[in-house]
PDB file of N, CA and C in Angstrom:
ATOM      1  N   MET A   1     136.086  60.847 106.933  1.00  0.00           N
ATOM      2  CA  MET A   1     134.216  61.063 106.626  1.00  0.00           C
ATOM      3  C   MET A   1     134.025  60.522 105.389  1.00  0.00           C
ATOM      4  N   ASN A   2     133.309  60.109 105.104  1.00  0.00           N
ATOM      5  CA  ASN A   2     132.530  59.180 103.884  1.00  0.00           C
ATOM      6  C   ASN A   2     131.965  60.493 102.893  1.00  0.00           C
ATOM      7  N   HIS A   3     132.454  61.418 101.529  1.00  0.00           N
ATOM      8  CA  HIS A   3     131.466  62.244 101.306  1.00  0.00           C
ATOM      9  C   HIS A   3     130.106  61.951 100.727  1.00  0.00           C
ATOM     10  N   LEU A   4     129.812  60.531 100.749  1.00  0.00           N
ATOM     11  CA  LEU A   4     128.301  60.670 100.102  1.00  0.00           C
ATOM     12  C   LEU A   4     127.502  60.379 100.978  1.00  0.00           C
ATOM     13  N   ASN A   5     127.928  60.623 102.396  1.00  0.00           N
ATOM     14  CA  ASN A   5     127.278  60.179 103.608  1.00  0.00           C
ATOM     15  C   ASN A   5     126.436  61.960 103.753  1.00  0.00           C
ATOM     16  N   ILE A   6     125.448  61.781 103.430  1.00  0.00           N
ATOM     17  CA  ILE A   6     124.666  63.056 103.347  1.00  0.00           C
ATOM     18  C   ILE A   6     123.397  63.048 104.405  1.00  0.00           C
ATOM     19  N   ILE A   7     123.131  63.722 105.453  1.00  0.00           N
ATOM     20  CA  ILE A   7     122.345  63.563 106.472  1.00  0.00           C
ATOM     21  C   ILE A   7     121.015  64.404 106.156  1.00  0.00           C
ATOM     22  N   TYR A   8     120.118  63.293 106.186  1.00  0.00           N
ATOM     23  CA  TYR A   8     118.909  63.887 105.775  1.00  0.00           C
ATOM     24  C   TYR A   8     117.943  64.381 107.071  1.00  0.00           C
ATOM     25  N   SER A   9     117.310  65.466 106.985  1.00  0.00           N
ATOM     26  CA  SER A   9     116.359  65.932 108.012  1.00  0.00           C
ATOM     27  C   SER A   9     114.751  65.714 107.556  1.00  0.00           C
ATOM     28  N   LEU A  10     114.361  64.561 108.039  1.00  0.00           N
ATOM     29  CA  LEU A  10     113.351  63.930 107.538  1.00  0.00           C
ATOM     30  C   LEU A  10     111.932  64.818 108.164  1.00  0.00           C
ATOM     31  N   LYS A  11     112.063  65.996 108.992  1.00  0.00           N
ATOM     32  CA  LYS A  11     111.258  66.731 109.276  1.00  0.00           C
ATOM     33  C   LYS A  11     110.819  67.682 108.151  1.00  0.00           C
ATOM     34  N   LEU A  12     112.200  68.443 107.801  1.00  0.00           N
ATOM     35  CA  LEU A  12     112.235  69.640 107.009  1.00  0.00           C
ATOM     36  C   LEU A  12     112.343  69.193 105.425  1.00  0.00           C
ATOM     37  N   ASN A  13     112.893  67.851 105.191  1.00  0.00           N
ATOM     38  CA  ASN A  13     112.877  67.311 103.695  1.00  0.00           C
ATOM     39  C   ASN A  13     114.021  68.132 103.438  1.00  0.00           C
ATOM     40  N   MET A  14     114.883  68.220 104.082  1.00  0.00           N
ATOM     41  CA  MET A  14     116.348  69.097 103.168  1.00  0.00           C
ATOM     42  C   MET A  14     117.601  68.554 103.494  1.00  0.00           C
ATOM     43  N   LEU A  15     118.496  68.385 102.660  1.00  0.00           N
ATOM     44  CA  LEU A  15     119.601  68.008 103.065  1.00  0.00           C
ATOM     45  C   LEU A  15     120.676  69.062 103.509  1.00  0.00           C
ATOM     46  N   PHE A  16     121.854  68.368 104.257  1.00  0.00           N
ATOM     47  CA  PHE A  16     122.667  68.856 104.855  1.00  0.00           C
ATOM     48  C   PHE A  16     124.026  68.521 104.510  1.00  0.00           C
ATOM     49  N   CYS A  17     125.169  69.146 104.419  1.00  0.00           N
ATOM     50  CA  CYS A  17     126.445  68.767 104.435  1.00  0.00           C
ATOM     51  C   CYS A  17     127.206  67.989 105.427  1.00  0.00           C
ATOM     52  N   SER A  18     127.802  66.840 104.894  1.00  0.00           N
ATOM     53  CA  SER A  18     128.095  65.936 105.662  1.00  0.00           C
ATOM     54  C   SER A  18     129.395  66.630 106.451  1.00  0.00           C
ATOM     55  N   GLU A  19     130.455  67.401 105.539  1.00  0.00           N
ATOM     56  CA  GLU A  19     131.254  67.992 106.269  1.00  0.00           C
ATOM     57  C   GLU A  19     131.416  69.001 107.028  1.00  0.00           C
ATOM     58  N   CYS A  20     130.118  70.086 106.764  1.00  0.00           N
ATOM     59  CA  CYS A  20     129.879  71.030 107.975  1.00  0.00           C
ATOM     60  C   CYS A  20     128.744  71.645 108.476  1.00  0.00           C
ATOM     61  N   ASP A  21     127.688  70.791 108.099  1.00  0.00           N
ATOM     62  CA  ASP A  21     126.548  70.564 108.555  1.00  0.00           C
ATOM     63  C   ASP A  21     125.664  71.856 108.251  1.00  0.00           C
ATOM     64  N   ASN A  22     125.971  72.314 106.916  1.00  0.00           N
ATOM     65  CA  ASN A  22     125.164  73.494 106.598  1.00  0.00           C
ATOM     66  C   ASN A  22     124.116  72.910 105.719  1.00  0.00           C
ATOM     67  N   LYS A  23     123.209  73.901 104.933  1.00  0.00           N
ATOM     68  CA  LYS A  23     122.267  73.425 104.032  1.00  0.00           C
ATOM     69  C   LYS A  23     123.195  73.265 102.653  1.00  0.00           C
ATOM     70  N   LEU A  24     122.687  71.984 102.071  1.00  0.00           N
ATOM     71  CA  LEU A  24     122.714  71.821 100.486  1.00  0.00           C
ATOM     72  C   LEU A  24     121.797  72.541  99.663  1.00  0.00           C
ATOM     73  N   TYR A  25     122.280  73.222  98.439  1.00  0.00           N
ATOM     74  CA  TYR A  25     121.243  73.788  97.649  1.00  0.00           C
ATOM     75  C   TYR A  25     121.609  73.011  96.114  1.00  0.00           C
ATOM     76  N   PRO A  26     120.438  72.778  95.390  1.00  0.00           N
ATOM     77  CA  PRO A  26     120.612  72.492  94.197  1.00  0.00           C
ATOM     78  C   PRO A  26     121.802  73.228  93.227  1.00  0.00           C
ATOM     79  N   SER A  27     122.254  72.659  92.403  1.00  0.00           N
ATOM     80  CA  SER A  27     122.989  73.086  91.295  1.00  0.00           C
ATOM     81  C   SER A  27     122.974  72.673  90.281  1.00  0.00           C
ATOM     82  N   GLU A  28     123.431  72.937  89.259  1.00  0.00           N
ATOM     83  CA  GLU A  28     123.464  72.569  87.991  1.00  0.00           C
ATOM     84  C   GLU A  28     124.653  73.122  87.124  1.00  0.00           C
ATOM     85  N   GLU A  29     125.563  71.735  87.096  1.00  0.00           N
ATOM     86  CA  GLU A  29     126.837  71.862  86.390  1.00  0.00           C
ATOM     87  C   GLU A  29     127.191  70.719  85.143  1.00  0.00           C
ATOM     88  N   ASN A  30     127.406  71.090  84.052  1.00  0.00           N
ATOM     89  CA  ASN A  30     127.770  70.313  82.844  1.00  0.00           C
ATOM     90  C   ASN A  30     126.452  69.209  82.831  1.00  0.00           C
ATOM     91  N   ASN A  31     125.309  69.824  82.879  1.00  0.00           N
ATOM     92  CA  ASN A  31     124.152  69.242  82.436  1.00  0.00           C
ATOM     93  C   ASN A  31     123.978  67.996  83.674  1.00  0.00           C
ATOM     94  N   ASN A  32     124.621  68.331  84.931  1.00  0.00           N
ATOM     95  CA  ASN A  32     124.154  67.336  85.781  1.00  0.00           C
ATOM     96  C   ASN A  32     123.685  68.151  86.959  1.00  0.00           C
ATOM     97  N   LEU A  33     122.855  67.747  87.767  1.00  0.00           N
ATOM     98  CA  LEU A  33     122.223  68.306  89.011  1.00  0.00           C
ATOM     99  C   LEU A  33     123.158  67.582  90.513  1.00  0.00           C
ATOM    100  N   TRP A  34     123.424  68.870  91.096  1.00  0.00           N
ATOM    101  CA  TRP A  34     124.217  68.524  92.043  1.00  0.00           C
ATOM    102  C   TRP A  34     123.614  69.269  93.072  1.00  0.00           C
ATOM    103  N   ASN A  35     123.871  68.895  94.324  1.00  0.00           N
ATOM    104  CA  ASN A  35     123.577  69.322  95.845  1.00  0.00           C
ATOM    105  C   ASN A  35     124.775  69.794  96.165  1.00  0.00           C
ATOM    106  N   LYS A  36     125.004  71.135  96.429  1.00  0.00           N
ATOM    107  CA  LYS A  36     126.299  71.594  96.689  1.00  0.00           C
ATOM    108  C   LYS A  36     125.855  72.630  97.795  1.00  0.00           C
ATOM    109  N   CYS A  37     127.254  72.421  98.687  1.00  0.00           N
ATOM    110  CA  CYS A  37     127.601  73.328  99.885  1.00  0.00           C
ATOM    111  C   CYS A  37     127.838  74.335  99.317  1.00  0.00           C
ATOM    112  N   LEU A  38     127.277  75.983  99.988  1.00  0.00           N
ATOM    113  CA  LEU A  38     127.827  76.986  99.596  1.00  0.00           C
ATOM    114  C   LEU A  38     128.856  77.264 100.649  1.00  0.00           C
ATOM    115  N   ASP A  39     128.759  76.734 101.979  1.00  0.00           N
ATOM    116  CA  ASP A  39     129.914  77.161 102.659  1.00  0.00           C
ATOM    117  C   ASP A  39     131.372  76.348 102.304  1.00  0.00           C
ATOM    118  N   CYS A  40     131.481  75.210 102.247  1.00  0.00           N
ATOM    119  CA  CYS A  40     132.873  74.207 102.476  1.00  0.00           C
ATOM    120  C   CYS A  40     133.129  73.774 100.509  1.00  0.00           C
ATOM    121  N   GLY A  41     132.260  74.002 100.047  1.00  0.00           N
ATOM    122  CA  GLY A  41     132.156  73.583  98.394  1.00  0.00           C
ATOM    123  C   GLY A  41     131.879  71.994  98.334  1.00  0.00           C
ATOM    124  N   PHE A  42     131.412  71.133  99.356  1.00  0.00           N
ATOM    125  CA  PHE A  42     131.448  69.739  99.099  1.00  0.00           C
ATOM    126  C   PHE A  42     129.904  69.894  98.154  1.00  0.00           C
ATOM    127  N   ARG A  43     130.134  68.782  97.220  1.00  0.00           N
ATOM    128  CA  ARG A  43     129.103  68.397  96.590  1.00  0.00           C
ATOM    129  C   ARG A  43     128.912  67.238  96.431  1.00  0.00           C
ATOM    130  N   ASP A  44     127.465  66.848  96.098  1.00  0.00           N
ATOM    131  CA  ASP A  44     127.029  65.476  95.650  1.00  0.00           C
ATOM    132  C   ASP A  44     126.075  65.380  94.780  1.00  0.00           C
ATOM    133  N   LYS A  45     126.141  64.318  93.643  1.00  0.00           N
ATOM    134  CA  LYS A  45     125.692  64.187  92.574  1.00  0.00           C
ATOM    135  C   LYS A  45     123.990  63.657  92.966  1.00  0.00           C
ATOM    136  N   PHE A  46     123.109  64.533  92.336  1.00  0.00           N
ATOM    137  CA  PHE A  46     121.392  64.586  92.687  1.00  0.00           C
ATOM    138  C   PHE A  46     121.179  63.270  91.659  1.00  0.00           C
ATOM    139  N   GLU A  47     120.526  62.060  92.700  1.00  0.00           N
ATOM    140  CA  GLU A  47     120.225  60.922  91.879  1.00  0.00           C
ATOM    141  C   GLU A  47     118.914  60.460  92.169  1.00  0.00           C
ATOM    142  N   HIS A  48     117.927  61.633  92.292  1.00  0.00           N
ATOM    143  CA  HIS A  48     116.759  61.204  92.159  1.00  0.00           C
ATOM    144  C   HIS A  48     116.056  61.935  91.090  1.00  0.00           C
ATOM    145  N   ALA A  49     114.863  61.208  90.876  1.00  0.00           N
ATOM    146  CA  ALA A  49     113.675  61.329  89.763  1.00  0.00           C
ATOM    147  C   ALA A  49     113.065  62.957  90.135  1.00  0.00           C
ATOM    148  N   VAL A  50     112.844  63.390  91.428  1.00  0.00           N
ATOM    149  CA  VAL A  50     111.741  64.146  91.659  1.00  0.00           C
ATOM    150  C   VAL A  50     112.791  65.531  92.033  1.00  0.00           C
ATOM    151  N   VAL A  51     112.838  66.343  91.359  1.00  0.00           N
ATOM    152  CA  VAL A  51     113.684  67.744  91.665  1.00  0.00           C
ATOM    153  C   VAL A  51     112.826  68.601  92.604  1.00  0.00           C
ATOM    154  N   GLU A  52     111.483  69.035  92.051  1.00  0.00           N
ATOM    155  CA  GLU A  52     110.882  69.991  92.884  1.00  0.00           C
ATOM    156  C   GLU A  52     109.151  69.325  92.669  1.00  0.00           C
ATOM    157  N   LYS A  53     108.627  69.404  93.744  1.00  0.00           N
ATOM    158  CA  LYS A  53     107.199  69.086  93.832  1.00  0.00           C
ATOM    159  C   LYS A  53     106.285  70.178  94.478  1.00  0.00           C
ATOM    160  N   LYS A  54     104.899  70.231  93.658  1.00  0.00           N
ATOM    161  CA  LYS A  54     104.026  71.582  93.931  1.00  0.00           C
ATOM    162  C   LYS A  54     103.164  71.062  94.295  1.00  0.00           C
ATOM    163  N   LEU A  55     102.505  71.285  95.320  1.00  0.00           N
ATOM    164  CA  LEU A  55     100.999  70.706  95.951  1.00  0.00           C
ATOM    165  C   LEU A  55      99.814  71.752  95.487  1.00  0.00           C
ATOM    166  N   PHE A  56      99.068  71.516  94.373  1.00  0.00           N
ATOM    167  CA  PHE A  56      98.256  72.547  94.168  1.00  0.00           C
ATOM    168  C   PHE A  56      96.599  72.450  94.563  1.00  0.00           C
ATOM    169  N   LYS A  57      96.244  71.194  95.234  1.00  0.00           N
ATOM    170  CA  LYS A  57      95.161  71.189  95.964  1.00  0.00           C
ATOM    171  C   LYS A  57      95.475  71.041  97.418  1.00  0.00           C
ATOM    172  N   SER A  58      95.015  72.148  98.212  1.00  0.00           N
ATOM    173  CA  SER A  58      95.279  72.021  99.428  1.00  0.00           C
ATOM    174  C   SER A  58      93.995  72.628 100.022  1.00  0.00           C
ATOM    175  N   ASN A  59      93.709  72.181 101.247  1.00  0.00           N
ATOM    176  CA  ASN A  59      92.340  72.503 102.156  1.00  0.00           C
ATOM    177  C   ASN A  59      92.723  73.659 103.006  1.00  0.00           C
ATOM    178  N   ASN A  60      93.975  73.682 103.428  1.00  0.00           N
ATOM    179  CA  ASN A  60      94.308  74.436 104.487  1.00  0.00           C
ATOM    180  C   ASN A  60      94.972  75.616 104.084  1.00  0.00           C
ATOM    181  N   HIS A  61      94.934  76.336 102.950  1.00  0.00           N
ATOM    182  CA  HIS A  61      95.491  77.507 102.558  1.00  0.00           C
ATOM    183  C   HIS A  61      94.465  78.715 102.468  1.00  0.00           C
ATOM    184  N   GLN A  62      94.229  79.889 103.316  1.00  0.00           N
ATOM    185  CA  GLN A  62      93.656  80.668 103.056  1.00  0.00           C
ATOM    186  C   GLN A  62      94.791  82.143 103.195  1.00  0.00           C
ATOM    187  N   LEU A  63      94.815  82.654 102.074  1.00  0.00           N
ATOM    188  CA  LEU A  63      95.857  84.068 102.209  1.00  0.00           C
ATOM    189  C   LEU A  63      95.137  85.148 102.939  1.00  0.00           C
ATOM    190  N   GLY A  64      93.790  85.227 102.730  1.00  0.00           N
ATOM    191  CA  GLY A  64      92.966  86.489 103.124  1.00  0.00           C
ATOM    192  C   GLY A  64      93.422  87.009 104.652  1.00  0.00           C
ATOM    193  N   ASP A  65      93.559  85.621 105.270  1.00  0.00           N
ATOM    194  CA  ASP A  65      93.521  85.809 106.539  1.00  0.00           C
ATOM    195  C   ASP A  65      95.092  86.437 107.351  1.00  0.00           C
ATOM    196  N   ASN A  66      95.826  86.268 106.550  1.00  0.00           N
ATOM    197  CA  ASN A  66      97.398  86.664 106.604  1.00  0.00           C
ATOM    198  C   ASN A  66      97.944  87.832 105.941  1.00  0.00           C
ATOM    199  N   ASN A  67      96.944  88.881 105.256  1.00  0.00           N
ATOM    200  CA  ASN A  67      97.422  89.711 104.110  1.00  0.00           C
ATOM    201  C   ASN A  67      97.508  90.984 104.750  1.00  0.00           C
ATOM    202  N   MET A  68      97.319  90.937 105.995  1.00  0.00           N
ATOM    203  CA  MET A  68      97.345  92.300 106.953  1.00  0.00           C
ATOM    204  C   MET A  68      99.093  92.692 107.151  1.00  0.00           C
ATOM    205  N   TYR A  69      99.723  91.429 107.482  1.00  0.00           N
ATOM    206  CA  TYR A  69     101.176  91.368 107.384  1.00  0.00           C
ATOM    207  C   TYR A  69     102.047  91.235 106.581  1.00  0.00           C
ATOM    208  N   LEU A  70     101.293  91.058 105.011  1.00  0.00           N
ATOM    209  CA  LEU A  70     102.304  90.562 104.210  1.00  0.00           C
ATOM    210  C   LEU A  70     102.855  92.044 103.123  1.00  0.00           C
ATOM    211  N   ILE A  71     101.888  92.837 103.557  1.00  0.00           N
ATOM    212  CA  ILE A  71     102.558  94.165 103.228  1.00  0.00           C
ATOM    213  C   ILE A  71     103.874  94.757 103.788  1.00  0.00           C
ATOM    214  N   TYR A  72     104.204  94.363 104.827  1.00  0.00           N
ATOM    215  CA  TYR A  72     105.546  94.819 105.511  1.00  0.00           C
ATOM    216  C   TYR A  72     106.522  93.767 105.261  1.00  0.00           C
ATOM    217  N   ASP A  73     106.369  92.360 104.457  1.00  0.00           N
ATOM    218  CA  ASP A  73     107.333  91.690 103.877  1.00  0.00           C
ATOM    219  C   ASP A  73     107.988  92.202 102.795  1.00  0.00           C
ATOM    220  N   ASN A  74     109.397  92.665 103.199  1.00  0.00           N
ATOM    221  CA  ASN A  74     110.281  93.331 102.062  1.00  0.00           C
ATOM    222  C   ASN A  74     110.554  92.545 100.915  1.00  0.00           C
ATOM    223  N   THR A  75     110.730  91.061 101.329  1.00  0.00           N
ATOM    224  CA  THR A  75     111.389  90.319 100.553  1.00  0.00           C
ATOM    225  C   THR A  75     110.100  89.691  99.532  1.00  0.00           C
ATOM    226  N   LEU A  76     109.038  90.110  99.522  1.00  0.00           N
ATOM    227  CA  LEU A  76     107.927  90.016  98.110  1.00  0.00           C
ATOM    228  C   LEU A  76     108.073  91.061  97.372  1.00  0.00           C
ATOM    229  N   PRO A  77     107.616  90.552  95.799  1.00  0.00           N
ATOM    230  CA  PRO A  77     107.870  91.444  94.894  1.00  0.00           C
ATOM    231  C   PRO A  77     106.856  92.658  94.924  1.00  0.00           C
ATOM    232  N   ARG A  78     107.333  93.652  94.044  1.00  0.00           N
ATOM    233  CA  ARG A  78     106.177  94.777  94.472  1.00  0.00           C
ATOM    234  C   ARG A  78     106.375  95.642  93.215  1.00  0.00           C
ATOM    235  N   THR A  79     105.291  96.534  92.453  1.00  0.00           N
ATOM    236  CA  THR A  79     105.178  97.394  91.517  1.00  0.00           C
ATOM    237  C   THR A  79     104.431  98.403  91.914  1.00  0.00           C
ATOM    238  N   LYS A  80     104.571  99.574  90.857  1.00  0.00           N
ATOM    239  CA  LYS A  80     103.967 100.709  90.916  1.00  0.00           C
ATOM    240  C   LYS A  80     102.931 100.819  89.818  1.00  0.00           C
ATOM    241  N   GLU A  81     103.215  99.657  88.856  1.00  0.00           N
ATOM    242  CA  GLU A  81     102.267  99.937  87.688  1.00  0.00           C
ATOM    243  C   GLU A  81     100.873  99.425  87.904  1.00  0.00           C
ATOM    244  N   LYS A  82     100.642  98.767  88.885  1.00  0.00           N
ATOM    245  CA  LYS A  82      99.150  98.299  89.136  1.00  0.00           C
ATOM    246  C   LYS A  82      98.445  99.516  89.788  1.00  0.00           C
ATOM    247  N   GLU A  83      97.156  99.852  89.716  1.00  0.00           N
ATOM    248  CA  GLU A  83      96.261 100.509  90.285  1.00  0.00           C
ATOM    249  C   GLU A  83      94.999  99.761  91.161  1.00  0.00           C
ATOM    250  N   CYS A  84      95.483 100.286  92.569  1.00  0.00           N
ATOM    251  CA  CYS A  84      94.254  99.695  93.710  1.00  0.00           C
ATOM    252  C   CYS A  84      92.712  99.847  93.118  1.00  0.00           C
ATOM    253  N   PRO A  85      92.082  98.837  93.123  1.00  0.00           N
ATOM    254  CA  PRO A  85      90.566  98.746  92.865  1.00  0.00           C
ATOM    255  C   PRO A  85      89.549  99.445  93.816  1.00  0.00           C
ATOM    256  N   ASN A  86      90.107  99.550  94.935  1.00  0.00           N
ATOM    257  CA  ASN A  86      89.656 100.550  96.052  1.00  0.00           C
ATOM    258  C   ASN A  86      89.644 101.630  95.456  1.00  0.00           C
ATOM    259  N   LYS A  87      88.444 102.919  95.107  1.00  0.00           N
ATOM    260  CA  LYS A  87      88.314 104.001  95.123  1.00  0.00           C
ATOM    261  C   LYS A  87      89.044 104.843  96.099  1.00  0.00           C
ATOM    262  N   SER A  88      88.552 104.245  97.181  1.00  0.00           N
ATOM    263  CA  SER A  88      88.805 105.383  98.404  1.00  0.00           C
ATOM    264  C   SER A  88      90.319 105.381  98.839  1.00  0.00           C
ATOM    265  N   CYS A  89      90.877 104.570  98.299  1.00  0.00           N
ATOM    266  CA  CYS A  89      92.259 104.001  98.647  1.00  0.00           C
ATOM    267  C   CYS A  89      93.107 105.379  98.466  1.00  0.00           C
ATOM    268  N   ILE A  90      93.857 105.965  99.356  1.00  0.00           N
ATOM    269  CA  ILE A  90      94.736 107.061  99.424  1.00  0.00           C
ATOM    270  C   ILE A  90      95.674 107.302  98.199  1.00  0.00           C
ATOM    271  N   SER A  91      95.849 105.871  97.361  1.00  0.00           N
ATOM    272  CA  SER A  91      96.959 105.782  96.290  1.00  0.00           C
ATOM    273  C   SER A  91      96.240 106.940  95.231  1.00  0.00           C
ATOM    274  N   HIS A  92      94.952 106.707  95.070  1.00  0.00           N
ATOM    275  CA  HIS A  92      94.211 107.661  93.900  1.00  0.00           C
ATOM    276  C   HIS A  92      94.456 108.976  94.134  1.00  0.00           C
ATOM    277  N   LYS A  93      94.091 109.731  95.410  1.00  0.00           N
ATOM    278  CA  LYS A  93      94.451 110.938  95.564  1.00  0.00           C
ATOM    279  C   LYS A  93      95.864 111.389  95.596  1.00  0.00           C
ATOM    280  N   GLU A  94      97.003 110.613  95.879  1.00  0.00           N
ATOM    281  CA  GLU A  94      98.058 110.678  95.760  1.00  0.00           C
ATOM    282  C   GLU A  94      99.106 109.453  95.309  1.00  0.00           C
ATOM    283  N   PRO A  95      99.441 109.427  93.906  1.00  0.00           N
ATOM    284  CA  PRO A  95      99.922 108.704  93.279  1.00  0.00           C
ATOM    285  C   PRO A  95     101.160 108.070  93.245  1.00  0.00           C
ATOM    286  N   GLU A  96     101.767 109.075  94.009  1.00  0.00           N
ATOM    287  CA  GLU A  96     103.294 108.662  94.405  1.00  0.00           C
ATOM    288  C   GLU A  96     103.389 107.572  95.581  1.00  0.00           C
ATOM    289  N   LYS A  97     102.134 107.390  96.398  1.00  0.00           N
ATOM    290  CA  LYS A  97     101.932 106.325  97.539  1.00  0.00           C
ATOM    291  C   LYS A  97     101.393 104.980  96.951  1.00  0.00           C
ATOM    292  N   GLN A  98     101.259 104.906  95.709  1.00  0.00           N
ATOM    293  CA  GLN A  98     100.622 103.684  95.007  1.00  0.00           C
ATOM    294  C   GLN A  98     101.864 102.415  94.695  1.00  0.00           C
ATOM    295  N   GLU A  99     101.362 101.373  95.429  1.00  0.00           N
ATOM    296  CA  GLU A  99     102.541 100.301  95.983  1.00  0.00           C
ATOM    297  C   GLU A  99     101.656  99.210  96.016  1.00  0.00           C
ATOM    298  N   ILE A 100     101.869  98.232  95.342  1.00  0.00           N
ATOM    299  CA  ILE A 100     101.194  96.757  95.185  1.00  0.00           C
ATOM    300  C   ILE A 100     102.450  95.735  95.397  1.00  0.00           C
ATOM    301  N   ILE A 101     102.088  94.827  96.325  1.00  0.00           N
ATOM    302  CA  ILE A 101     103.021  93.466  96.352  1.00  0.00           C
ATOM    303  C   ILE A 101     102.012  92.479  95.398  1.00  0.00           C
ATOM    304  N   PHE A 102     102.807  91.786  94.938  1.00  0.00           N
ATOM    305  CA  PHE A 102     101.832  90.451  94.568  1.00  0.00           C
ATOM    306  C   PHE A 102     102.698  89.139  94.864  1.00  0.00           C
ATOM    307  N   ILE A 103     101.736  88.238  94.845  1.00  0.00           N
ATOM    308  CA  ILE A 103     102.656  87.055  95.115  1.00  0.00           C
ATOM    309  C   ILE A 103     101.823  85.872  94.249  1.00  0.00           C
ATOM    310  N   GLN A 104     101.941  84.497  93.924  1.00  0.00           N
ATOM    311  CA  GLN A 104     101.297  83.516  93.539  1.00  0.00           C
ATOM    312  C   GLN A 104     100.934  82.751  94.092  1.00  0.00           C
ATOM    313  N   ASP A 105      99.457  82.639  94.030  1.00  0.00           N
ATOM    314  CA  ASP A 105      98.515  81.842  94.615  1.00  0.00           C
ATOM    315  C   ASP A 105      98.730  80.164  94.473  1.00  0.00           C
ATOM    316  N   PRO A 106      99.445  79.007  95.518  1.00  0.00           N
ATOM    317  CA  PRO A 106      99.423  77.736  95.029  1.00  0.00           C
ATOM    318  C   PRO A 106      98.444  77.255  94.958  1.00  0.00           C
ATOM    319  N   ILE A 107      97.300  77.733  94.790  1.00  0.00           N
ATOM    320  CA  ILE A 107      96.124  76.582  94.691  1.00  0.00           C
ATOM    321  C   ILE A 107      95.513  77.130  93.236  1.00  0.00           C
ATOM    322  N   SER A 108      95.414  78.600  92.360  1.00  0.00           N
ATOM    323  CA  SER A 108      94.578  78.677  91.873  1.00  0.00           C
ATOM    324  C   SER A 108      95.919  79.150  90.543  1.00  0.00           C
ATOM    325  N   VAL A 109      97.102  79.043  91.313  1.00  0.00           N
ATOM    326  CA  VAL A 109      98.256  79.574  90.064  1.00  0.00           C
ATOM    327  C   VAL A 109      97.951  81.155  89.618  1.00  0.00           C
ATOM    328  N   LYS A 110      97.136  81.414  90.345  1.00  0.00           N
ATOM    329  CA  LYS A 110      97.056  83.069  89.794  1.00  0.00           C
ATOM    330  C   LYS A 110      97.771  84.331  90.668  1.00  0.00           C
ATOM    331  N   LEU A 111      98.099  85.500  89.947  1.00  0.00           N
ATOM    332  CA  LEU A 111      98.925  86.476  90.808  1.00  0.00           C
ATOM    333  C   LEU A 111      97.605  86.801  91.646  1.00  0.00           C
ATOM    334  N   THR A 112      97.909  86.905  93.031  1.00  0.00           N
ATOM    335  CA  THR A 112      97.412  87.999  93.867  1.00  0.00           C
ATOM    336  C   THR A 112      97.951  89.110  94.290  1.00  0.00           C
ATOM    337  N   TYR A 113      97.417  90.291  94.012  1.00  0.00           N
ATOM    338  CA  TYR A 113      97.700  91.519  94.259  1.00  0.00           C
ATOM    339  C   TYR A 113      97.117  92.207  95.814  1.00  0.00           C
ATOM    340  N   ILE A 114      97.732  92.732  96.504  1.00  0.00           N
ATOM    341  CA  ILE A 114      97.700  93.271  98.061  1.00  0.00           C
ATOM    342  C   ILE A 114      98.060  94.930  97.856  1.00  0.00           C
ATOM    343  N   CYS A 115      97.413  95.756  97.863  1.00  0.00           N
ATOM    344  CA  CYS A 115      97.485  97.086  98.123  1.00  0.00           C
ATOM    345  C   CYS A 115      98.042  97.496  99.499  1.00  0.00           C
ATOM    346  N   VAL A 116      99.109  98.077  99.430  1.00  0.00           N
ATOM    347  CA  VAL A 116      99.910  98.256 100.659  1.00  0.00           C
ATOM    348  C   VAL A 116      99.194  99.498 101.633  1.00  0.00           C
ATOM    349  N   ASN A 117      98.792 100.198 100.885  1.00  0.00           N
ATOM    350  CA  ASN A 117      97.947 101.278 101.400  1.00  0.00           C
ATOM    351  C   ASN A 117      96.717 101.104 102.400  1.00  0.00           C
ATOM    352  N   CYS A 118      95.883 100.102 101.148  1.00  0.00           N
ATOM    353  CA  CYS A 118      94.325  99.910 102.280  1.00  0.00           C
ATOM    354  C   CYS A 118      94.326  98.495 102.275  1.00  0.00           C
ATOM    355  N   ASN A 119      95.311  97.686 102.106  1.00  0.00           N
ATOM    356  CA  ASN A 119      95.239  96.197 102.171  1.00  0.00           C
ATOM    357  C   ASN A 119      93.942  95.527 101.676  1.00  0.00           C
ATOM    358  N   VAL A 120      93.734  95.979 100.225  1.00  0.00           N
ATOM    359  CA  VAL A 120      92.758  95.011  99.438  1.00  0.00           C
ATOM    360  C   VAL A 120      93.377  94.256  98.598  1.00  0.00           C
ATOM    361  N   GLU A 121      92.990  92.856  98.804  1.00  0.00           N
ATOM    362  CA  GLU A 121      93.354  91.885  97.724  1.00  0.00           C
ATOM    363  C   GLU A 121      92.704  91.756  96.757  1.00  0.00           C
ATOM    364  N   TRP A 122      93.082  91.370  95.376  1.00  0.00           N
ATOM    365  CA  TRP A 122      92.744  91.030  94.019  1.00  0.00           C
ATOM    366  C   TRP A 122      93.272  90.180  93.551  1.00  0.00           C
ATOM    367  N   LYS A 123      92.978  89.312  92.470  1.00  0.00           N
ATOM    368  CA  LYS A 123      93.435  88.131  91.898  1.00  0.00           C
ATOM    369  C   LYS A 123      93.522  88.540  90.248  1.00  0.00           C
ATOM    370  N   TYR A 124      94.489  88.021  89.557  1.00  0.00           N
ATOM    371  CA  TYR A 124      94.619  88.331  88.026  1.00  0.00           C
ATOM    372  C   TYR A 124      95.099  87.038  87.890  1.00  0.00           C
ATOM    373  N   SER A 125      94.423  86.242  86.380  1.00  0.00           N
ATOM    374  CA  SER A 125      95.269  85.204  85.926  1.00  0.00           C
ATOM    375  C   SER A 125      95.983  85.696  84.677  1.00  0.00           C
TER     376      SER A 125
END
């Protein structure tokens, strides 16, 4: 099998290993970019100019519709250092329950905070 034969997934725009069909991940070694398989160790030098592309203008993004489920996502970063702006939130009476998740809004590039107790959302730049 030719090691330079990388399978492209056009739908997901992801690269897959030609040896074991697992996902290839970007890696930097000796000031070069590589697409590397974490399972079998296969690697291929990255020859393209675009490494990452972010779209900041989009008409179909609405965080507010989904934030009631975001508070259950354990992969999102959390802090106990921010105070919920909702004065009737339980975290003001019981400070040990104060917990806020935060994510970066892809449109405004501002941080969006969501209280895990009352689900109030606010932004901070």
